[in-house]
Amino acid sequence: MTAYTFTDAERAVIDLITASLSGRAESYFQSVTVGPGFPSGSTGVASVRHVQVELDGTPAVAYPVTERATVRVTCWLSKGKRTDVKAMAGIVQGLMLAQARGGSSLLAILPGTGRLVDADRDTGLSFCTFTVRVSTQPLPVA
């Protein structure tokens, strides 16, 4: 009997966003970083451009076919950039949902919660967050 594990949904979404943003002309995507966690060293920084990707959990597993995960995507920009961060998140969300398949490691990407925009109470940085639901590819365990 073959045992299976599943693609790391967080890593797969990071890779997908990174590839999708490559070469974008919008100013907020210039020198953007993509990864888990809050943008390091961002307190007091004038120009933060970060897309944070975090696994929110795996509410469903259809073993050995797929694992369904919820992934939270949060776009961060400098203080006072509310309009830009909403646009940034909208583009990231649209690029992700336009993928019928998220590449070889993601079988599907579906919308989750819509965009929510605010400012971080500690740093004043602008952020906009949303979730997607992804179905991951099974991987045989050697």
Protein backbone atom coordinates (compact mmCIF):
# COMPACT_ATOMS: atom_id res chain seq x y z
CA MET A 1 0.00 0.00 0.00
CA THR A 2 1.30 3.44 -0.93
CA ALA A 3 1.28 6.17 1.72
CA TYR A 4 0.73 9.80 0.74
CA THR A 5 1.45 13.22 2.09
CA PHE A 6 0.42 16.53 0.52
CA THR A 7 2.02 19.57 -1.03
CA ASP A 8 2.86 22.39 1.40
CA ALA A 9 0.00 24.77 0.53
CA GLU A 10 1.72 27.80 2.07
CA ARG A 11 4.94 27.24 0.09
CA ALA A 12 3.01 26.56 -3.14
CA VAL A 13 1.04 29.82 -2.78
CA ILE A 14 4.24 31.78 -2.04
CA ASP A 15 5.81 30.36 -5.20
CA LEU A 16 2.70 31.09 -7.27
CA ILE A 17 2.44 34.71 -6.09
CA THR A 18 6.17 35.31 -6.57
CA ALA A 19 6.00 34.05 -10.16
CA SER A 20 2.76 35.96 -10.89
CA LEU A 21 4.17 39.29 -9.68
CA SER A 22 7.43 39.03 -11.60
CA GLY A 23 7.64 41.93 -14.04
CA ARG A 24 4.49 43.76 -12.86
CA ALA A 25 4.69 47.49 -13.58
CA GLU A 26 2.70 48.83 -10.60
CA SER A 27 4.92 50.77 -8.21
CA TYR A 28 3.84 48.78 -5.16
CA PHE A 29 5.18 45.58 -6.75
CA GLN A 30 8.68 47.02 -7.29
CA SER A 31 11.04 45.26 -4.86
CA VAL A 32 8.10 43.45 -3.23
CA THR A 33 8.89 40.55 -0.93
CA VAL A 34 6.66 37.50 -0.61
CA GLY A 35 6.78 35.08 2.31
CA PRO A 36 5.44 34.03 5.68
CA GLY A 37 5.49 36.39 8.63
CA PHE A 38 5.34 40.12 9.14
CA PRO A 39 7.81 42.14 7.05
CA SER A 40 11.00 42.11 9.10
CA GLY A 41 12.40 45.45 10.20
CA SER A 42 9.29 47.28 9.00
CA THR A 43 8.65 49.39 12.10
CA GLY A 44 9.33 52.98 11.11
CA VAL A 45 10.37 52.04 7.56
CA ALA A 46 9.06 54.48 4.95
CA SER A 47 8.62 52.01 2.09
CA VAL A 48 7.29 48.56 3.00
CA ARG A 49 6.15 46.29 0.15
CA HIS A 50 5.38 42.81 1.36
CA VAL A 51 2.91 40.01 0.61
CA GLN A 52 2.51 37.80 3.67
CA VAL A 53 1.29 34.23 3.13
CA GLU A 54 0.17 32.08 6.07
CA LEU A 55 -1.51 28.69 6.29
CA ASP A 56 -4.78 29.12 8.24
CA GLY A 57 -5.41 25.40 8.49
CA THR A 58 -6.53 22.32 6.60
CA PRO A 59 -10.24 21.97 7.30
CA ALA A 60 -10.75 19.05 4.92
CA VAL A 61 -8.79 16.03 3.80
CA ALA A 62 -9.96 13.54 1.19
CA TYR A 63 -7.16 11.03 1.70
CA PRO A 64 -5.39 10.00 -0.51
CA VAL A 65 -6.82 12.29 -3.20
CA THR A 66 -6.34 15.83 -1.86
CA GLU A 67 -5.98 18.07 1.15
CA ARG A 68 -7.94 21.32 1.20
CA ALA A 69 -6.23 24.22 2.94
CA THR A 70 -7.17 27.79 3.76
CA VAL A 71 -4.36 30.26 3.07
CA ARG A 72 -4.42 33.87 4.25
CA VAL A 73 -2.73 36.46 2.04
CA THR A 74 -1.98 39.89 3.54
CA CYS A 75 -0.52 42.73 1.49
CA TRP A 76 1.47 45.35 3.43
CA LEU A 77 2.41 48.88 2.38
CA SER A 78 3.65 51.99 4.14
CA LYS A 79 1.51 54.20 6.37
CA GLY A 80 -1.28 56.04 4.59
CA LYS A 81 -1.33 53.75 1.51
CA ARG A 82 -4.88 52.43 2.05
CA THR A 83 -5.99 52.87 -1.58
CA ASP A 84 -2.80 51.34 -2.98
CA VAL A 85 -2.85 48.35 -0.63
CA LYS A 86 -6.47 47.58 -1.63
CA ALA A 87 -5.46 47.69 -5.29
CA MET A 88 -2.37 45.58 -4.59
CA ALA A 89 -4.42 42.90 -2.80
CA GLY A 90 -7.03 42.96 -5.56
CA ILE A 91 -4.39 42.25 -8.20
CA VAL A 92 -2.79 39.46 -6.15
CA GLN A 93 -6.21 37.92 -5.48
CA GLY A 94 -7.24 38.21 -9.14
CA LEU A 95 -4.01 36.67 -10.40
CA MET A 96 -4.44 33.75 -8.02
CA LEU A 97 -8.10 33.10 -8.81
CA ALA A 98 -7.43 33.32 -12.56
CA GLN A 99 -5.40 30.13 -12.20
CA ALA A 100 -7.73 27.21 -12.89
CA ARG A 101 -4.90 25.17 -11.44
CA GLY A 102 -2.21 26.67 -9.29
CA GLY A 103 0.54 24.86 -11.14
CA SER A 104 1.61 21.27 -10.69
CA SER A 105 1.35 21.30 -6.89
CA LEU A 106 -2.07 22.97 -6.48
CA LEU A 107 -5.10 21.29 -8.01
CA ALA A 108 -7.46 24.24 -7.51
CA ILE A 109 -7.65 27.75 -6.04
CA LEU A 110 -11.04 29.03 -4.87
CA PRO A 111 -12.07 32.30 -3.20
CA GLY A 112 -12.37 32.41 0.57
CA THR A 113 -13.05 35.57 2.51
CA GLY A 114 -13.03 38.83 0.59
CA ARG A 115 -10.59 41.69 1.06
CA LEU A 116 -10.45 43.50 4.39
CA VAL A 117 -8.39 46.69 4.61
CA ASP A 118 -7.09 48.46 7.73
CA ALA A 119 -3.97 49.91 9.33
CA ASP A 120 -1.86 48.02 11.86
CA ARG A 121 -2.46 49.55 15.28
CA ASP A 122 1.16 49.12 16.42
CA THR A 123 3.05 50.28 13.31
CA GLY A 124 0.48 52.26 11.32
CA LEU A 125 1.32 50.19 8.22
CA SER A 126 -1.50 49.75 5.70
CA PHE A 127 -2.66 46.20 5.06
CA CYS A 128 -5.32 44.35 3.10
CA THR A 129 -6.01 40.68 3.73
CA PHE A 130 -8.07 37.91 2.11
CA THR A 131 -8.15 34.12 2.06
CA VAL A 132 -8.17 31.48 -0.65
CA ARG A 133 -9.01 27.80 -0.44
CA VAL A 134 -6.56 25.52 -2.20
CA SER A 135 -6.64 21.83 -3.02
CA THR A 136 -3.18 20.29 -2.89
CA GLN A 137 -1.57 17.52 -4.89
CA PRO A 138 -0.96 14.19 -3.14
CA LEU A 139 2.69 13.10 -2.97
CA PRO A 140 3.69 9.47 -2.48
CA VAL A 141 5.86 8.89 0.58
CA ALA A 142 9.02 7.02 -0.39
